Amino acid sequence: MDGSYPLVAGAALVAGAANAIAGGGSLLSFPALVAAGLPSVAASVTNTVALCPGYFGATIAQRGQLVGQGKRMAMLVPVAIAGGLAGAGLLLGLGEAAFDVVVPWLLLVAALLLGFQERIKRALTGDRGVVHGVRTVGVALAVVGASVYGGYFGAGMGVIVLAAIAVVLDDDLVRLNALKQVVTLAVNVAAAIVFVFSSEIDWTLVGVMAAASLVGGAIGGRIASRVKPAVLRAVVVTVACGVSAYYFARWFGWL
């Protein structure tokens, strides 16, 4: 196991940066934990706890983009916490079999939502926009669904959260990406609290990965704040499609 420490630390560093910029970082860190010898559920639980500092670092790095979004955070953070708790309970209670079937489709839908964000928004709202009540309910429902998913596993959670809020909320994608950081941080911390009371966590690997993910998240958060919205959208859609393709390949037994 000692020889795996550089592998999981490097994976956590890149995963922290990837989650801050576009999401999908768990696709790197989770397989690294499996390669280190952890069973799949233990790897998933350990991964969630270990990446919490990365989400925190990304949020702090993009805090300037959160100015004026206090009401959104006040609405979405409790929803995200509830979803994260529910998803974590599902993972410990049901295992990962159902996730392996559903996750490729979730990620593909997320990529389509974000890729066709403007067209979908125009089709739903026309030239008049969405009334505030509908928008509030819509984003809350979208985030609770993404949060349950994130608490259950988390690979691509940032992609799904960003896609969901970008379709419903009318704002610059860089600002919405910062809001995504807060939501995903809340989900991850809520799920981690549940997992702390389980017997599945490898605390040695958590310690190795946590510091690396914090550094990666801070680096990725600074990069994300300087990326043009069109470039960020392209990166997120590309990551979502790549992660989806990976899980489809697993589903069909090609990997």
C-alpha atoms as a PDB file:
ATOM      1  CA  MET A   1       0.000   0.000   0.000  1.00  0.00           C
ATOM      2  CA  ASP A   2       2.882   2.420   0.780  1.00  0.00           C
ATOM      3  CA  GLY A   3       3.982   2.322  -2.857  1.00  0.00           C
ATOM      4  CA  SER A   4       0.539   3.566  -3.890  1.00  0.00           C
ATOM      5  CA  TYR A   5       0.802   6.820  -1.945  1.00  0.00           C
ATOM      6  CA  PRO A   6       2.428   8.819  -4.779  1.00  0.00           C
ATOM      7  CA  LEU A   7      -0.225   7.489  -7.170  1.00  0.00           C
ATOM      8  CA  VAL A   8      -3.199   8.487  -5.032  1.00  0.00           C
ATOM      9  CA  ALA A   9      -1.610  11.818  -4.046  1.00  0.00           C
ATOM     10  CA  GLY A  10      -1.012  12.725  -7.688  1.00  0.00           C
ATOM     11  CA  ALA A  11      -4.523  11.639  -8.629  1.00  0.00           C
ATOM     12  CA  ALA A  12      -5.978  13.747  -5.802  1.00  0.00           C
ATOM     13  CA  LEU A  13      -3.971  16.805  -6.901  1.00  0.00           C
ATOM     14  CA  VAL A  14      -5.258  16.575 -10.478  1.00  0.00           C
ATOM     15  CA  ALA A  15      -8.770  15.663  -9.301  1.00  0.00           C
ATOM     16  CA  GLY A  16      -8.941  18.754  -7.083  1.00  0.00           C
ATOM     17  CA  ALA A  17      -7.964  20.972 -10.009  1.00  0.00           C
ATOM     18  CA  ALA A  18     -10.311  19.205 -12.432  1.00  0.00           C
ATOM     19  CA  ASN A  19     -13.279  19.516 -10.064  1.00  0.00           C
ATOM     20  CA  ALA A  20     -12.637  23.238  -9.703  1.00  0.00           C
ATOM     21  CA  ILE A  21     -12.418  23.854 -13.439  1.00  0.00           C
ATOM     22  CA  ALA A  22     -14.931  21.458 -14.945  1.00  0.00           C
ATOM     23  CA  GLY A  23     -15.766  18.504 -12.703  1.00  0.00           C
ATOM     24  CA  GLY A  24     -15.059  14.819 -13.228  1.00  0.00           C
ATOM     25  CA  GLY A  25     -12.031  14.677 -10.929  1.00  0.00           C
ATOM     26  CA  SER A  26     -13.275  11.559  -9.176  1.00  0.00           C
ATOM     27  CA  LEU A  27     -12.788   9.676 -12.422  1.00  0.00           C
ATOM     28  CA  LEU A  28      -9.062  10.008 -11.688  1.00  0.00           C
ATOM     29  CA  SER A  29      -8.967   9.622  -7.916  1.00  0.00           C
ATOM     30  CA  PHE A  30     -11.495   6.782  -7.543  1.00  0.00           C
ATOM     31  CA  PRO A  31      -9.673   4.391  -9.924  1.00  0.00           C
ATOM     32  CA  ALA A  32      -6.389   5.284  -8.189  1.00  0.00           C
ATOM     33  CA  LEU A  33      -7.868   4.120  -4.878  1.00  0.00           C
ATOM     34  CA  VAL A  34      -9.134   0.913  -6.463  1.00  0.00           C
ATOM     35  CA  ALA A  35      -5.667   0.374  -7.938  1.00  0.00           C
ATOM     36  CA  ALA A  36      -4.259   0.872  -4.435  1.00  0.00           C
ATOM     37  CA  GLY A  37      -6.242  -2.175  -3.330  1.00  0.00           C
ATOM     38  CA  LEU A  38      -9.408  -0.732  -1.780  1.00  0.00           C
ATOM     39  CA  PRO A  39     -12.786  -2.392  -2.441  1.00  0.00           C
ATOM     40  CA  SER A  40     -15.074  -0.254  -4.596  1.00  0.00           C
ATOM     41  CA  VAL A  41     -17.376   1.037  -1.843  1.00  0.00           C
ATOM     42  CA  ALA A  42     -14.435   1.789   0.467  1.00  0.00           C
ATOM     43  CA  ALA A  43     -12.697   3.561  -2.427  1.00  0.00           C
ATOM     44  CA  SER A  44     -15.790   5.676  -3.110  1.00  0.00           C
ATOM     45  CA  VAL A  45     -16.226   6.612   0.548  1.00  0.00           C
ATOM     46  CA  THR A  46     -12.526   7.377   1.040  1.00  0.00           C
ATOM     47  CA  ASN A  47     -12.505   9.432  -2.139  1.00  0.00           C
ATOM     48  CA  THR A  48     -15.422  11.593  -1.008  1.00  0.00           C
ATOM     49  CA  VAL A  49     -13.844  12.389   2.349  1.00  0.00           C
ATOM     50  CA  ALA A  50     -10.377  12.982   0.884  1.00  0.00           C
ATOM     51  CA  LEU A  51     -11.556  15.452  -1.780  1.00  0.00           C
ATOM     52  CA  CYS A  52     -13.393  17.755   0.649  1.00  0.00           C
ATOM     53  CA  PRO A  53     -10.364  20.051   1.035  1.00  0.00           C
ATOM     54  CA  GLY A  54     -10.152  20.345  -2.759  1.00  0.00           C
ATOM     55  CA  TYR A  55     -13.720  21.615  -2.970  1.00  0.00           C
ATOM     56  CA  PHE A  56     -12.952  24.056  -0.148  1.00  0.00           C
ATOM     57  CA  GLY A  57      -9.834  25.337  -1.899  1.00  0.00           C
ATOM     58  CA  ALA A  58     -11.727  25.844  -5.146  1.00  0.00           C
ATOM     59  CA  THR A  59     -14.494  27.749  -3.369  1.00  0.00           C
ATOM     60  CA  ILE A  60     -12.038  30.078  -1.625  1.00  0.00           C
ATOM     61  CA  ALA A  61     -10.144  30.669  -4.879  1.00  0.00           C
ATOM     62  CA  GLN A  62     -13.364  31.758  -6.633  1.00  0.00           C
ATOM     63  CA  ARG A  63     -14.946  33.689  -3.763  1.00  0.00           C
ATOM     64  CA  GLY A  64     -14.776  36.927  -5.751  1.00  0.00           C
ATOM     65  CA  GLN A  65     -17.260  35.496  -8.245  1.00  0.00           C
ATOM     66  CA  LEU A  66     -19.744  34.827  -5.422  1.00  0.00           C
ATOM     67  CA  VAL A  67     -20.393  38.517  -4.755  1.00  0.00           C
ATOM     68  CA  GLY A  68     -24.109  39.200  -5.185  1.00  0.00           C
ATOM     69  CA  GLN A  69     -25.050  35.508  -5.041  1.00  0.00           C
ATOM     70  CA  GLY A  70     -25.904  35.364  -1.342  1.00  0.00           C
ATOM     71  CA  LYS A  71     -29.598  34.622  -1.874  1.00  0.00           C
ATOM     72  CA  ARG A  72     -28.789  31.814  -4.284  1.00  0.00           C
ATOM     73  CA  MET A  73     -26.376  30.241  -1.814  1.00  0.00           C
ATOM     74  CA  ALA A  74     -28.873  30.590   1.049  1.00  0.00           C
ATOM     75  CA  MET A  75     -31.430  28.699  -1.035  1.00  0.00           C
ATOM     76  CA  LEU A  76     -29.186  26.041  -2.577  1.00  0.00           C
ATOM     77  CA  VAL A  77     -26.805  25.083   0.244  1.00  0.00           C
ATOM     78  CA  PRO A  78     -29.527  23.529   2.487  1.00  0.00           C
ATOM     79  CA  VAL A  79     -30.880  21.683  -0.553  1.00  0.00           C
ATOM     80  CA  ALA A  80     -27.379  20.454  -1.399  1.00  0.00           C
ATOM     81  CA  ILE A  81     -26.774  19.267   2.165  1.00  0.00           C
ATOM     82  CA  ALA A  82     -30.041  17.317   2.223  1.00  0.00           C
ATOM     83  CA  GLY A  83     -29.253  15.710  -1.122  1.00  0.00           C
ATOM     84  CA  GLY A  84     -25.708  14.830  -0.088  1.00  0.00           C
ATOM     85  CA  LEU A  85     -26.930  13.151   3.093  1.00  0.00           C
ATOM     86  CA  ALA A  86     -29.537  11.169   1.154  1.00  0.00           C
ATOM     87  CA  GLY A  87     -27.043  10.065  -1.498  1.00  0.00           C
ATOM     88  CA  ALA A  88     -24.507   8.953   1.099  1.00  0.00           C
ATOM     89  CA  GLY A  89     -27.171   6.893   2.837  1.00  0.00           C
ATOM     90  CA  LEU A  90     -28.063   5.238  -0.460  1.00  0.00           C
ATOM     91  CA  LEU A  91     -24.428   4.309  -1.141  1.00  0.00           C
ATOM     92  CA  LEU A  92     -23.957   2.665   2.232  1.00  0.00           C
ATOM     93  CA  GLY A  93     -27.337   0.965   2.044  1.00  0.00           C
ATOM     94  CA  LEU A  94     -27.507  -0.175  -1.575  1.00  0.00           C
ATOM     95  CA  GLY A  95     -23.925  -0.379  -2.878  1.00  0.00           C
ATOM     96  CA  GLU A  96     -22.836   0.663  -6.361  1.00  0.00           C
ATOM     97  CA  ALA A  97     -24.666  -1.747  -8.681  1.00  0.00           C
ATOM     98  CA  ALA A  98     -27.471   0.669  -9.545  1.00  0.00           C
ATOM     99  CA  PHE A  99     -25.001   3.515 -10.008  1.00  0.00           C
ATOM    100  CA  ASP A 100     -23.059   1.624 -12.675  1.00  0.00           C
ATOM    101  CA  VAL A 101     -26.248   1.403 -14.745  1.00  0.00           C
ATOM    102  CA  VAL A 102     -27.475   4.980 -14.307  1.00  0.00           C
ATOM    103  CA  VAL A 103     -24.310   7.124 -14.271  1.00  0.00           C
ATOM    104  CA  PRO A 104     -23.475   7.054 -18.026  1.00  0.00           C
ATOM    105  CA  TRP A 105     -26.912   8.405 -18.844  1.00  0.00           C
ATOM    106  CA  LEU A 106     -26.758  11.086 -16.155  1.00  0.00           C
ATOM    107  CA  LEU A 107     -23.442  12.369 -17.466  1.00  0.00           C
ATOM    108  CA  LEU A 108     -24.606  12.315 -21.071  1.00  0.00           C
ATOM    109  CA  VAL A 109     -27.708  14.317 -20.145  1.00  0.00           C
ATOM    110  CA  ALA A 110     -25.517  16.787 -18.247  1.00  0.00           C
ATOM    111  CA  ALA A 111     -23.315  17.307 -21.304  1.00  0.00           C
ATOM    112  CA  LEU A 112     -26.348  17.889 -23.517  1.00  0.00           C
ATOM    113  CA  LEU A 113     -27.904  20.299 -21.018  1.00  0.00           C
ATOM    114  CA  LEU A 114     -24.799  22.452 -20.872  1.00  0.00           C
ATOM    115  CA  GLY A 115     -23.907  22.163 -24.537  1.00  0.00           C
ATOM    116  CA  PHE A 116     -27.392  23.275 -25.632  1.00  0.00           C
ATOM    117  CA  GLN A 117     -27.987  25.556 -22.643  1.00  0.00           C
ATOM    118  CA  GLU A 118     -28.956  28.671 -24.591  1.00  0.00           C
ATOM    119  CA  ARG A 119     -31.217  26.846 -27.039  1.00  0.00           C
ATOM    120  CA  ILE A 120     -33.009  25.024 -24.234  1.00  0.00           C
ATOM    121  CA  LYS A 121     -33.462  28.249 -22.290  1.00  0.00           C
ATOM    122  CA  ARG A 122     -34.927  30.037 -25.312  1.00  0.00           C
ATOM    123  CA  ALA A 123     -37.238  27.118 -26.036  1.00  0.00           C
ATOM    124  CA  LEU A 124     -38.529  27.133 -22.452  1.00  0.00           C
ATOM    125  CA  THR A 125     -38.829  30.855 -21.897  1.00  0.00           C
ATOM    126  CA  GLY A 126     -39.120  32.537 -25.303  1.00  0.00           C
ATOM    127  CA  ASP A 127     -38.272  36.241 -25.248  1.00  0.00           C
ATOM    128  CA  ARG A 128     -39.852  36.968 -21.876  1.00  0.00           C
ATOM    129  CA  GLY A 129     -37.672  34.864 -19.571  1.00  0.00           C
ATOM    130  CA  VAL A 130     -38.762  32.714 -16.643  1.00  0.00           C
ATOM    131  CA  VAL A 131     -40.784  34.167 -13.787  1.00  0.00           C
ATOM    132  CA  HIS A 132     -38.890  34.189 -10.496  1.00  0.00           C
ATOM    133  CA  GLY A 133     -40.964  31.521  -8.739  1.00  0.00           C
ATOM    134  CA  VAL A 134     -40.559  29.011 -11.558  1.00  0.00           C
ATOM    135  CA  ARG A 135     -36.838  29.682 -11.734  1.00  0.00           C
ATOM    136  CA  THR A 136     -36.425  29.217  -7.979  1.00  0.00           C
ATOM    137  CA  VAL A 137     -38.316  25.933  -7.896  1.00  0.00           C
ATOM    138  CA  GLY A 138     -36.547  24.711 -11.038  1.00  0.00           C
ATOM    139  CA  VAL A 139     -33.025  25.296  -9.791  1.00  0.00           C
ATOM    140  CA  ALA A 140     -33.833  23.817  -6.358  1.00  0.00           C
ATOM    141  CA  LEU A 141     -35.213  20.633  -7.929  1.00  0.00           C
ATOM    142  CA  ALA A 142     -32.254  20.375 -10.286  1.00  0.00           C
ATOM    143  CA  VAL A 143     -29.735  20.804  -7.477  1.00  0.00           C
ATOM    144  CA  VAL A 144     -31.394  18.331  -5.110  1.00  0.00           C
ATOM    145  CA  GLY A 145     -31.265  15.663  -7.834  1.00  0.00           C
ATOM    146  CA  ALA A 146     -27.627  16.390  -8.587  1.00  0.00           C
ATOM    147  CA  SER A 147     -26.809  16.444  -4.864  1.00  0.00           C
ATOM    148  CA  VAL A 148     -28.297  13.002  -4.233  1.00  0.00           C
ATOM    149  CA  TYR A 149     -26.217  11.733  -7.127  1.00  0.00           C
ATOM    150  CA  GLY A 150     -23.124  13.488  -5.761  1.00  0.00           C
ATOM    151  CA  GLY A 151     -23.552  12.035  -2.286  1.00  0.00           C
ATOM    152  CA  TYR A 152     -23.954   8.592  -3.816  1.00  0.00           C
ATOM    153  CA  PHE A 153     -20.754   8.624  -5.865  1.00  0.00           C
ATOM    154  CA  GLY A 154     -19.647  12.037  -7.062  1.00  0.00           C
ATOM    155  CA  ALA A 155     -17.877  11.393 -10.387  1.00  0.00           C
ATOM    156  CA  GLY A 156     -18.991  14.227 -12.629  1.00  0.00           C
ATOM    157  CA  MET A 157     -21.121  15.818  -9.904  1.00  0.00           C
ATOM    158  CA  GLY A 158     -19.729  19.246 -10.725  1.00  0.00           C
ATOM    159  CA  VAL A 159     -20.646  18.772 -14.379  1.00  0.00           C
ATOM    160  CA  ILE A 160     -24.234  17.876 -13.510  1.00  0.00           C
ATOM    161  CA  VAL A 161     -24.638  20.701 -10.958  1.00  0.00           C
ATOM    162  CA  LEU A 162     -23.218  23.300 -13.327  1.00  0.00           C
ATOM    163  CA  ALA A 163     -25.349  22.049 -16.214  1.00  0.00           C
ATOM    164  CA  ALA A 164     -28.480  22.142 -14.056  1.00  0.00           C
ATOM    165  CA  ILE A 165     -28.022  25.649 -12.689  1.00  0.00           C
ATOM    166  CA  ALA A 166     -26.755  27.071 -15.994  1.00  0.00           C
ATOM    167  CA  VAL A 167     -29.955  26.053 -17.784  1.00  0.00           C
ATOM    168  CA  VAL A 168     -32.220  27.534 -15.101  1.00  0.00           C
ATOM    169  CA  LEU A 169     -30.290  30.629 -13.959  1.00  0.00           C
ATOM    170  CA  ASP A 170     -29.451  33.530 -16.264  1.00  0.00           C
ATOM    171  CA  ASP A 171     -25.886  34.573 -15.455  1.00  0.00           C
ATOM    172  CA  ASP A 172     -22.294  34.444 -16.634  1.00  0.00           C
ATOM    173  CA  LEU A 173     -20.977  30.878 -16.683  1.00  0.00           C
ATOM    174  CA  VAL A 174     -17.881  31.824 -14.667  1.00  0.00           C
ATOM    175  CA  ARG A 175     -20.107  33.154 -11.852  1.00  0.00           C
ATOM    176  CA  LEU A 176     -22.298  30.071 -12.036  1.00  0.00           C
ATOM    177  CA  ASN A 177     -19.170  27.916 -11.863  1.00  0.00           C
ATOM    178  CA  ALA A 178     -18.281  29.636  -8.573  1.00  0.00           C
ATOM    179  CA  LEU A 179     -21.809  28.919  -7.298  1.00  0.00           C
ATOM    180  CA  LYS A 180     -21.277  25.312  -8.366  1.00  0.00           C
ATOM    181  CA  GLN A 181     -18.187  25.185  -6.138  1.00  0.00           C
ATOM    182  CA  VAL A 182     -20.258  26.125  -3.092  1.00  0.00           C
ATOM    183  CA  VAL A 183     -22.966  23.586  -3.912  1.00  0.00           C
ATOM    184  CA  THR A 184     -20.522  20.735  -4.518  1.00  0.00           C
ATOM    185  CA  LEU A 185     -18.608  21.614  -1.339  1.00  0.00           C
ATOM    186  CA  ALA A 186     -21.852  21.386   0.660  1.00  0.00           C
ATOM    187  CA  VAL A 187     -22.735  18.036  -0.931  1.00  0.00           C
ATOM    188  CA  ASN A 188     -19.293  16.556  -0.343  1.00  0.00           C
ATOM    189  CA  VAL A 189     -19.046  17.689   3.277  1.00  0.00           C
ATOM    190  CA  ALA A 190     -22.554  16.395   4.040  1.00  0.00           C
ATOM    191  CA  ALA A 191     -21.764  13.002   2.511  1.00  0.00           C
ATOM    192  CA  ALA A 192     -18.385  12.895   4.270  1.00  0.00           C
ATOM    193  CA  ILE A 193     -20.066  13.428   7.651  1.00  0.00           C
ATOM    194  CA  VAL A 194     -22.187  10.327   7.017  1.00  0.00           C
ATOM    195  CA  PHE A 195     -19.180   8.321   5.876  1.00  0.00           C
ATOM    196  CA  VAL A 196     -17.097   9.275   8.921  1.00  0.00           C
ATOM    197  CA  PHE A 197     -19.391   7.099  11.019  1.00  0.00           C
ATOM    198  CA  SER A 198     -18.962   4.107   8.720  1.00  0.00           C
ATOM    199  CA  SER A 199     -16.135   1.583   8.800  1.00  0.00           C
ATOM    200  CA  GLU A 200     -15.269   2.005   5.123  1.00  0.00           C
ATOM    201  CA  ILE A 201     -12.746   4.872   5.290  1.00  0.00           C
ATOM    202  CA  ASP A 202      -8.999   4.346   4.885  1.00  0.00           C
ATOM    203  CA  TRP A 203      -7.811   7.261   7.006  1.00  0.00           C
ATOM    204  CA  THR A 204      -4.163   6.948   5.983  1.00  0.00           C
ATOM    205  CA  LEU A 205      -5.070   7.469   2.327  1.00  0.00           C
ATOM    206  CA  VAL A 206      -7.439  10.286   3.292  1.00  0.00           C
ATOM    207  CA  GLY A 207      -4.511  12.091   4.904  1.00  0.00           C
ATOM    208  CA  VAL A 208      -2.319  11.594   1.842  1.00  0.00           C
ATOM    209  CA  MET A 209      -5.002  12.775  -0.584  1.00  0.00           C
ATOM    210  CA  ALA A 210      -6.529  15.624   1.416  1.00  0.00           C
ATOM    211  CA  ALA A 211      -3.513  17.933   1.261  1.00  0.00           C
ATOM    212  CA  ALA A 212      -3.000  17.211  -2.427  1.00  0.00           C
ATOM    213  CA  SER A 213      -6.644  17.863  -3.297  1.00  0.00           C
ATOM    214  CA  LEU A 214      -6.576  21.159  -1.365  1.00  0.00           C
ATOM    215  CA  VAL A 215      -3.628  22.381  -3.431  1.00  0.00           C
ATOM    216  CA  GLY A 216      -5.220  21.138  -6.644  1.00  0.00           C
ATOM    217  CA  GLY A 217      -8.545  22.789  -5.847  1.00  0.00           C
ATOM    218  CA  ALA A 218      -6.876  26.134  -5.106  1.00  0.00           C
ATOM    219  CA  ILE A 219      -4.919  25.980  -8.370  1.00  0.00           C
ATOM    220  CA  GLY A 220      -7.947  24.929 -10.394  1.00  0.00           C
ATOM    221  CA  GLY A 221     -10.127  27.594  -8.800  1.00  0.00           C
ATOM    222  CA  ARG A 222      -7.724  30.335  -9.826  1.00  0.00           C
ATOM    223  CA  ILE A 223      -7.581  28.994 -13.367  1.00  0.00           C
ATOM    224  CA  ALA A 224     -11.376  28.739 -13.604  1.00  0.00           C
ATOM    225  CA  SER A 225     -11.810  32.380 -12.617  1.00  0.00           C
ATOM    226  CA  ARG A 226      -9.737  33.430 -15.627  1.00  0.00           C
ATOM    227  CA  VAL A 227     -11.294  31.154 -18.250  1.00  0.00           C
ATOM    228  CA  LYS A 228     -13.689  32.658 -20.790  1.00  0.00           C
ATOM    229  CA  PRO A 229     -17.268  31.305 -20.460  1.00  0.00           C
ATOM    230  CA  ALA A 230     -17.227  29.760 -23.952  1.00  0.00           C
ATOM    231  CA  VAL A 231     -13.966  27.958 -23.215  1.00  0.00           C
ATOM    232  CA  LEU A 232     -15.222  26.802 -19.823  1.00  0.00           C
ATOM    233  CA  ARG A 233     -18.417  25.444 -21.393  1.00  0.00           C
ATOM    234  CA  ALA A 234     -16.401  23.527 -23.995  1.00  0.00           C
ATOM    235  CA  VAL A 235     -14.141  22.047 -21.305  1.00  0.00           C
ATOM    236  CA  VAL A 236     -17.079  20.994 -19.137  1.00  0.00           C
ATOM    237  CA  VAL A 237     -18.946  19.380 -22.039  1.00  0.00           C
ATOM    238  CA  THR A 238     -15.796  17.557 -23.140  1.00  0.00           C
ATOM    239  CA  VAL A 239     -15.171  16.235 -19.634  1.00  0.00           C
ATOM    240  CA  ALA A 240     -18.793  15.135 -19.295  1.00  0.00           C
ATOM    241  CA  CYS A 241     -18.687  13.263 -22.600  1.00  0.00           C
ATOM    242  CA  GLY A 242     -15.390  11.611 -21.686  1.00  0.00           C
ATOM    243  CA  VAL A 243     -16.605  10.467 -18.275  1.00  0.00           C
ATOM    244  CA  SER A 244     -19.877   9.245 -19.801  1.00  0.00           C
ATOM    245  CA  ALA A 245     -18.019   7.276 -22.470  1.00  0.00           C
ATOM    246  CA  TYR A 246     -15.834   5.677 -19.793  1.00  0.00           C
ATOM    247  CA  TYR A 247     -18.846   4.450 -17.830  1.00  0.00           C
ATOM    248  CA  PHE A 248     -20.669   3.285 -20.949  1.00  0.00           C
ATOM    249  CA  ALA A 249     -17.563   1.236 -21.757  1.00  0.00           C
ATOM    250  CA  ARG A 250     -17.627  -0.254 -18.269  1.00  0.00           C
ATOM    251  CA  TRP A 251     -21.358  -0.923 -18.590  1.00  0.00           C
ATOM    252  CA  PHE A 252     -20.857  -2.884 -21.841  1.00  0.00           C
ATOM    253  CA  GLY A 253     -17.894  -4.758 -20.375  1.00  0.00           C
ATOM    254  CA  TRP A 254     -15.277  -3.188 -22.644  1.00  0.00           C
ATOM    255  CA  LEU A 255     -13.102  -2.112 -19.677  1.00  0.00           C
END
